[in-house]
Amino acid sequence: MLPEPYDDKEEPSHDPAERAAAAAKSTWVSVAVNLILTAAQISAGFLSKSQGLIADGIHSLSDLVADFVVLVANHHSQKDADSDHPYGHHRFETAASLVLGALLLAVGLGMLWSAFLKLENPHSVQTVHVAALWVAGGALLVKEMLFRYMLAVAKRVKSSMLVANAWHARSDAASSLVVALGILGNLAGYPILDPIAAAIVGFMVTKMGWEFAWDALHDLMDRAIEDEEVAAIRRTLEETPGVQGVHDIRTRKMGDLIVVDAHLEVDATLSVEEGHDIAVKARGRVMQRHRVLNLMTHVDPWHRVDLDHLSIAHREG
């Protein structure tokens, strides 16, 4: 179970330029780290005869590809709205998350297949060199530090794409831990534990890839936002002076932003212009307080109930 990607106690940044700069910086840091780890793990894995370490290196290589996907998506999602995309290009980030998930899924299945081939022929598994353990331990430390850095940036700018990439880095940290344990078991006289570790890593990567891809797919199908955030938007609308009621709120995700439709009830005795002004004020308050890209309002007449008239009618009845 993954933790909530955002912390409501933090003050996220909605400034597009700041989000783009933060995404680019954190991703380039990840590129540099994964480039070094990929070279070190794969080469050390072959030299030390550790399938688990090679699998971990391939996982780091998939991180490199994922980083470049994020860089491309971050660039395109910042484009202004045009005639073909009147709401902007924010869903490019969601599409990138879908690609990241599919990438993890493919890498994980490949790692599972390779490990199972080894497990079918356990006599072919060789004893690894102790150097593999040192490389796996160092990779674990570096990946955990990278994950914490990337997740902190993702929370600050409130980007689901960066959250996905951060957890991609955490999956590498978890896999390095499993690989280190497998190498320890191999060195202790149980060679089969190294391919078993590779299989566990493959399962972890496959599971995470499926979760990210499935989540992104739902967002691309206009999934609504969480009930708590809908309730917060409703409160902002209801607290707008002149709004007597709110109903039929509908939401859909647009990347990390939200598109909202809502019906506002205003006094039926007001003019069209006065009702319009109230709707404009309500829209402005929501856009200022929430991560809403656009709010489409429909004004409905609200009829004041004459309590004195109802009381007399009740007595006469």
Protein backbone atom coordinates (compact mmCIF):
# COMPACT_ATOMS: atom_id res chain seq x y z
CA MET A 1 0.00 0.00 0.00
CA LEU A 2 1.56 3.30 -1.10
CA PRO A 3 1.29 6.34 1.15
CA GLU A 4 -0.73 9.35 0.11
CA PRO A 5 1.24 11.26 -2.52
CA TYR A 6 0.48 14.66 -1.02
CA ASP A 7 0.46 16.04 2.48
CA ASP A 8 -2.35 18.52 3.12
CA LYS A 9 -0.25 20.21 5.82
CA GLU A 10 2.27 21.29 3.24
CA GLU A 11 1.81 24.32 1.03
CA PRO A 12 2.19 23.02 -2.53
CA SER A 13 3.27 25.22 -5.40
CA HIS A 14 0.80 25.76 -8.26
CA ASP A 15 3.15 28.01 -10.25
CA PRO A 16 3.75 26.25 -13.62
CA ALA A 17 7.26 27.64 -14.03
CA GLU A 18 8.33 26.50 -10.56
CA ARG A 19 6.81 23.05 -11.08
CA ALA A 20 8.60 22.67 -14.42
CA ALA A 21 11.94 23.79 -12.99
CA ALA A 22 11.63 21.48 -9.97
CA ALA A 23 10.67 18.54 -12.18
CA ALA A 24 13.60 19.12 -14.53
CA LYS A 25 16.14 19.50 -11.72
CA SER A 26 15.06 16.42 -9.74
CA THR A 27 14.87 14.32 -12.88
CA TRP A 28 18.35 15.28 -14.05
CA VAL A 29 19.68 14.35 -10.61
CA SER A 30 17.99 10.98 -11.03
CA VAL A 31 19.51 10.59 -14.50
CA ALA A 32 23.03 11.12 -13.16
CA VAL A 33 22.55 8.72 -10.23
CA ASN A 34 20.94 5.97 -12.31
CA LEU A 35 23.58 6.24 -15.01
CA ILE A 36 26.30 5.55 -12.46
CA LEU A 37 24.31 2.78 -10.73
CA THR A 38 23.44 1.03 -14.00
CA ALA A 39 27.08 0.83 -15.04
CA ALA A 40 28.27 -0.27 -11.60
CA GLN A 41 25.57 -2.89 -10.95
CA ILE A 42 25.55 -4.60 -14.34
CA SER A 43 29.33 -4.74 -14.63
CA ALA A 44 29.73 -5.92 -11.02
CA GLY A 45 26.92 -8.43 -11.52
CA PHE A 46 28.65 -10.07 -14.47
CA LEU A 47 32.05 -10.06 -12.78
CA SER A 48 30.70 -11.45 -9.50
CA LYS A 49 28.26 -13.88 -11.22
CA SER A 50 25.20 -12.46 -9.41
CA GLN A 51 21.93 -12.63 -11.35
CA GLY A 52 20.23 -10.59 -8.66
CA LEU A 53 22.68 -7.72 -9.05
CA ILE A 54 22.32 -7.82 -12.85
CA ALA A 55 18.51 -7.66 -12.45
CA ASP A 56 18.91 -4.70 -10.13
CA GLY A 57 21.12 -3.00 -12.70
CA ILE A 58 18.50 -3.54 -15.42
CA HIS A 59 15.97 -1.98 -13.06
CA SER A 60 18.23 1.06 -12.74
CA LEU A 61 18.48 1.15 -16.54
CA SER A 62 14.68 1.26 -16.74
CA ASP A 63 14.82 4.23 -14.37
CA LEU A 64 17.04 6.02 -16.87
CA VAL A 65 14.46 5.52 -19.62
CA ALA A 66 11.70 6.61 -17.22
CA ASP A 67 13.61 9.77 -16.36
CA PHE A 68 13.77 10.79 -20.02
CA VAL A 69 10.04 10.10 -20.38
CA VAL A 70 9.41 12.46 -17.45
CA LEU A 71 11.62 15.16 -18.97
CA VAL A 72 9.74 15.00 -22.28
CA ALA A 73 6.34 14.98 -20.54
CA ASN A 74 7.30 17.87 -18.28
CA HIS A 75 8.28 19.94 -21.33
CA HIS A 76 5.09 19.24 -23.28
CA SER A 77 2.68 19.63 -20.34
CA GLN A 78 3.77 23.27 -19.90
CA LYS A 79 2.55 24.29 -23.36
CA ASP A 80 -0.20 26.88 -23.46
CA ALA A 81 -3.75 26.01 -24.47
CA ASP A 82 -4.47 26.09 -28.21
CA SER A 83 -7.40 25.49 -30.53
CA ASP A 84 -6.88 21.72 -30.43
CA HIS A 85 -6.30 21.62 -26.66
CA PRO A 86 -8.47 24.35 -25.10
CA TYR A 87 -7.76 23.08 -21.57
CA GLY A 88 -4.00 22.94 -22.15
CA HIS A 89 -1.68 19.93 -22.25
CA HIS A 90 -1.78 18.94 -18.59
CA ARG A 91 -2.79 15.36 -19.33
CA PHE A 92 0.59 14.81 -20.91
CA GLU A 93 1.76 14.16 -17.34
CA THR A 94 -0.93 11.51 -16.85
CA ALA A 95 0.06 9.87 -20.13
CA ALA A 96 3.67 9.87 -18.91
CA SER A 97 2.60 8.12 -15.71
CA LEU A 98 0.88 5.50 -17.88
CA VAL A 99 4.09 5.01 -19.88
CA LEU A 100 6.10 4.70 -16.65
CA GLY A 101 3.71 2.05 -15.36
CA ALA A 102 3.86 0.10 -18.63
CA LEU A 103 7.66 0.31 -18.56
CA LEU A 104 7.83 -1.05 -15.01
CA LEU A 105 5.39 -3.82 -15.94
CA ALA A 106 7.47 -4.92 -18.94
CA VAL A 107 10.76 -4.80 -17.01
CA GLY A 108 9.27 -6.74 -14.09
CA LEU A 109 7.89 -9.51 -16.30
CA GLY A 110 11.25 -9.83 -18.05
CA MET A 111 13.04 -10.15 -14.73
CA LEU A 112 10.57 -12.80 -13.56
CA TRP A 113 11.10 -14.84 -16.71
CA SER A 114 14.89 -14.70 -16.41
CA ALA A 115 14.78 -15.73 -12.73
CA PHE A 116 12.42 -18.65 -13.38
CA LEU A 117 14.74 -19.99 -16.07
CA LYS A 118 17.52 -20.12 -13.46
CA LEU A 119 15.24 -21.72 -10.86
CA GLU A 120 14.34 -24.48 -13.32
CA ASN A 121 18.02 -25.42 -13.44
CA PRO A 122 19.38 -24.73 -9.91
CA HIS A 123 22.65 -26.57 -10.58
CA SER A 124 23.63 -23.80 -13.00
CA VAL A 125 23.57 -21.19 -10.23
CA GLN A 126 27.09 -20.22 -9.20
CA THR A 127 28.45 -18.83 -5.93
CA VAL A 128 28.80 -15.06 -6.18
CA HIS A 129 31.80 -12.97 -5.17
CA VAL A 130 31.63 -10.95 -1.95
CA ALA A 131 32.16 -7.74 -3.97
CA ALA A 132 28.55 -8.09 -5.16
CA LEU A 133 27.35 -7.55 -1.59
CA TRP A 134 29.24 -4.27 -1.26
CA VAL A 135 27.84 -2.99 -4.56
CA ALA A 136 24.28 -3.96 -3.58
CA GLY A 137 24.63 -2.26 -0.18
CA GLY A 138 25.96 0.94 -1.72
CA ALA A 139 23.19 0.96 -4.32
CA LEU A 140 20.58 0.53 -1.57
CA LEU A 141 21.84 3.58 0.31
CA VAL A 142 22.06 5.77 -2.80
CA LYS A 143 18.60 4.78 -4.07
CA GLU A 144 16.90 5.43 -0.74
CA MET A 145 18.46 8.90 -0.59
CA LEU A 146 17.36 9.57 -4.17
CA PHE A 147 13.80 8.46 -3.37
CA ARG A 148 13.49 10.77 -0.37
CA TYR A 149 14.82 13.72 -2.36
CA MET A 150 12.50 13.14 -5.33
CA LEU A 151 9.40 12.55 -3.18
CA ALA A 152 10.03 15.77 -1.24
CA VAL A 153 10.18 17.71 -4.52
CA ALA A 154 7.02 15.97 -5.82
CA LYS A 155 5.08 16.88 -2.67
CA ARG A 156 6.26 20.48 -2.78
CA VAL A 157 5.07 21.06 -6.35
CA LYS A 158 2.19 18.54 -6.07
CA SER A 159 2.96 16.53 -9.20
CA SER A 160 1.61 12.99 -9.61
CA MET A 161 4.09 12.37 -12.42
CA LEU A 162 7.01 13.15 -10.08
CA VAL A 163 5.43 11.02 -7.36
CA ALA A 164 5.34 8.10 -9.82
CA ASN A 165 8.98 8.65 -10.71
CA ALA A 166 9.97 8.93 -7.03
CA TRP A 167 8.29 5.60 -6.24
CA HIS A 168 10.06 4.15 -9.23
CA ALA A 169 13.28 5.08 -7.41
CA ARG A 170 11.96 3.56 -4.15
CA SER A 171 11.21 0.30 -5.96
CA ASP A 172 14.89 0.24 -6.89
CA ALA A 173 15.83 0.76 -3.22
CA ALA A 174 13.57 -2.09 -2.13
CA SER A 175 14.93 -4.33 -4.87
CA SER A 176 18.51 -3.59 -3.79
CA LEU A 177 17.63 -4.71 -0.26
CA VAL A 178 16.19 -7.97 -1.54
CA VAL A 179 19.22 -8.49 -3.79
CA ALA A 180 21.61 -7.87 -0.90
CA LEU A 181 19.79 -10.50 1.18
CA GLY A 182 19.92 -12.93 -1.72
CA ILE A 183 23.65 -12.40 -2.12
CA LEU A 184 24.13 -12.93 1.62
CA GLY A 185 22.29 -16.23 1.37
CA ASN A 186 24.34 -17.25 -1.64
CA LEU A 187 27.58 -16.51 0.20
CA ALA A 188 26.29 -18.48 3.21
CA GLY A 189 26.04 -21.63 1.11
CA TYR A 190 22.60 -21.34 -0.46
CA PRO A 191 23.29 -20.34 -4.10
CA ILE A 192 19.63 -20.63 -5.12
CA LEU A 193 18.79 -17.56 -3.03
CA ASP A 194 20.36 -15.24 -5.61
CA PRO A 195 17.88 -16.07 -8.44
CA ILE A 196 15.08 -16.17 -5.86
CA ALA A 197 16.00 -12.59 -4.95
CA ALA A 198 15.92 -11.69 -8.65
CA ALA A 199 12.41 -13.22 -8.92
CA ILE A 200 11.18 -11.24 -5.90
CA VAL A 201 12.53 -8.03 -7.42
CA GLY A 202 10.74 -8.87 -10.67
CA PHE A 203 7.46 -9.38 -8.80
CA MET A 204 7.83 -6.07 -6.93
CA VAL A 205 8.50 -4.17 -10.15
CA THR A 206 5.59 -5.85 -11.96
CA LYS A 207 3.15 -5.04 -9.16
CA MET A 208 4.17 -1.38 -8.99
CA GLY A 209 4.03 -1.02 -12.76
CA TRP A 210 0.48 -2.40 -12.85
CA GLU A 211 -0.66 -0.04 -10.09
CA PHE A 212 0.75 3.07 -11.78
CA ALA A 213 -0.56 2.12 -15.23
CA TRP A 214 -4.04 1.30 -13.92
CA ASP A 215 -4.23 4.52 -11.92
CA ALA A 216 -3.14 6.66 -14.87
CA LEU A 217 -5.60 4.89 -17.17
CA HIS A 218 -8.49 5.79 -14.85
CA ASP A 219 -7.38 9.43 -14.78
CA LEU A 220 -7.36 9.52 -18.59
CA MET A 221 -10.96 8.25 -18.46
CA ASP A 222 -12.11 11.40 -16.57
CA ARG A 223 -12.03 9.93 -13.07
CA ALA A 224 -13.45 12.22 -10.40
CA ILE A 225 -11.31 13.60 -7.57
CA GLU A 226 -11.54 12.40 -3.96
CA ASP A 227 -14.69 13.15 -1.95
CA GLU A 228 -12.77 15.25 0.59
CA GLU A 229 -11.55 17.64 -2.09
CA VAL A 230 -15.02 17.87 -3.65
CA ALA A 231 -16.43 18.78 -0.22
CA ALA A 232 -13.79 21.51 0.17
CA ILE A 233 -14.72 23.02 -3.21
CA ARG A 234 -18.40 22.84 -2.27
CA ARG A 235 -17.73 24.76 0.95
CA THR A 236 -15.89 27.48 -0.95
CA LEU A 237 -18.84 27.85 -3.31
CA GLU A 238 -21.46 27.86 -0.52
CA GLU A 239 -19.53 30.51 1.43
CA THR A 240 -19.58 32.91 -1.54
CA PRO A 241 -21.93 35.85 -0.79
CA GLY A 242 -25.11 35.50 -2.82
CA VAL A 243 -24.90 31.74 -3.31
CA GLN A 244 -27.94 30.12 -1.67
CA GLY A 245 -27.16 26.53 -2.59
CA VAL A 246 -24.90 24.27 -4.63
CA HIS A 247 -25.73 21.02 -6.41
CA ASP A 248 -24.61 18.72 -9.23
CA ILE A 249 -20.88 19.23 -8.71
CA ARG A 250 -18.91 17.16 -11.20
CA THR A 251 -15.13 16.92 -11.36
CA ARG A 252 -12.50 15.34 -13.58
CA LYS A 253 -8.74 15.30 -13.41
CA MET A 254 -6.66 17.21 -15.93
CA GLY A 255 -3.12 16.12 -15.13
CA ASP A 256 -2.52 17.38 -11.59
CA LEU A 257 -5.29 20.00 -11.91
CA ILE A 258 -9.08 19.69 -11.84
CA VAL A 259 -11.92 20.73 -14.13
CA VAL A 260 -15.18 21.37 -12.24
CA ASP A 261 -18.85 21.82 -13.25
CA ALA A 262 -21.32 23.11 -10.65
CA HIS A 263 -24.88 24.44 -10.41
CA LEU A 264 -25.23 27.54 -8.22
CA GLU A 265 -28.56 28.63 -6.74
CA VAL A 266 -29.08 32.40 -6.48
CA ASP A 267 -32.08 34.51 -5.50
CA ALA A 268 -34.67 34.34 -8.30
CA THR A 269 -35.48 38.05 -7.87
CA LEU A 270 -31.97 39.11 -8.91
CA SER A 271 -31.24 40.31 -12.43
CA VAL A 272 -29.30 38.16 -14.88
CA GLU A 273 -26.31 40.47 -14.47
CA GLU A 274 -26.37 40.18 -10.67
CA GLY A 275 -26.58 36.39 -10.85
CA HIS A 276 -23.70 36.37 -13.32
CA ASP A 277 -21.57 38.52 -11.01
CA ILE A 278 -22.14 36.10 -8.13
CA ALA A 279 -21.10 33.16 -10.32
CA VAL A 280 -17.95 34.99 -11.42
CA LYS A 281 -17.05 35.73 -7.81
CA ALA A 282 -17.62 32.08 -6.82
CA ARG A 283 -15.46 30.89 -9.71
CA GLY A 284 -12.64 33.24 -8.74
CA ARG A 285 -12.67 32.06 -5.11
CA VAL A 286 -12.44 28.40 -6.17
CA MET A 287 -9.67 29.06 -8.69
CA GLN A 288 -7.68 30.90 -6.02
CA ARG A 289 -8.10 28.38 -3.20
CA HIS A 290 -8.00 25.05 -5.00
CA ARG A 291 -5.97 23.36 -7.76
CA VAL A 292 -8.76 24.00 -10.25
CA LEU A 293 -7.92 24.68 -13.88
CA ASN A 294 -11.44 25.76 -14.82
CA LEU A 295 -14.87 25.99 -13.18
CA MET A 296 -17.98 25.98 -15.36
CA THR A 297 -21.02 27.31 -13.48
CA HIS A 298 -24.74 27.12 -14.22
CA VAL A 299 -26.96 29.57 -12.34
CA ASP A 300 -30.33 28.24 -11.09
CA PRO A 301 -33.12 30.38 -9.54
CA TRP A 302 -33.63 30.06 -5.80
CA HIS A 303 -37.07 31.08 -4.45
CA ARG A 304 -37.22 32.53 -0.97
CA VAL A 305 -39.72 30.73 1.28
CA ASP A 306 -42.23 33.09 2.94
CA LEU A 307 -42.33 31.59 6.46
CA ASP A 308 -45.11 33.91 7.66
CA HIS A 309 -47.33 32.92 4.73
CA LEU A 310 -46.68 29.24 5.38
CA SER A 311 -47.53 29.67 9.07
CA ILE A 312 -50.88 31.37 8.31
CA ALA A 313 -51.76 28.75 5.71
CA HIS A 314 -50.97 26.01 8.21
CA ARG A 315 -53.26 27.53 10.88
CA GLU A 316 -56.10 28.03 8.41
CA GLY A 317 -55.75 24.45 7.23
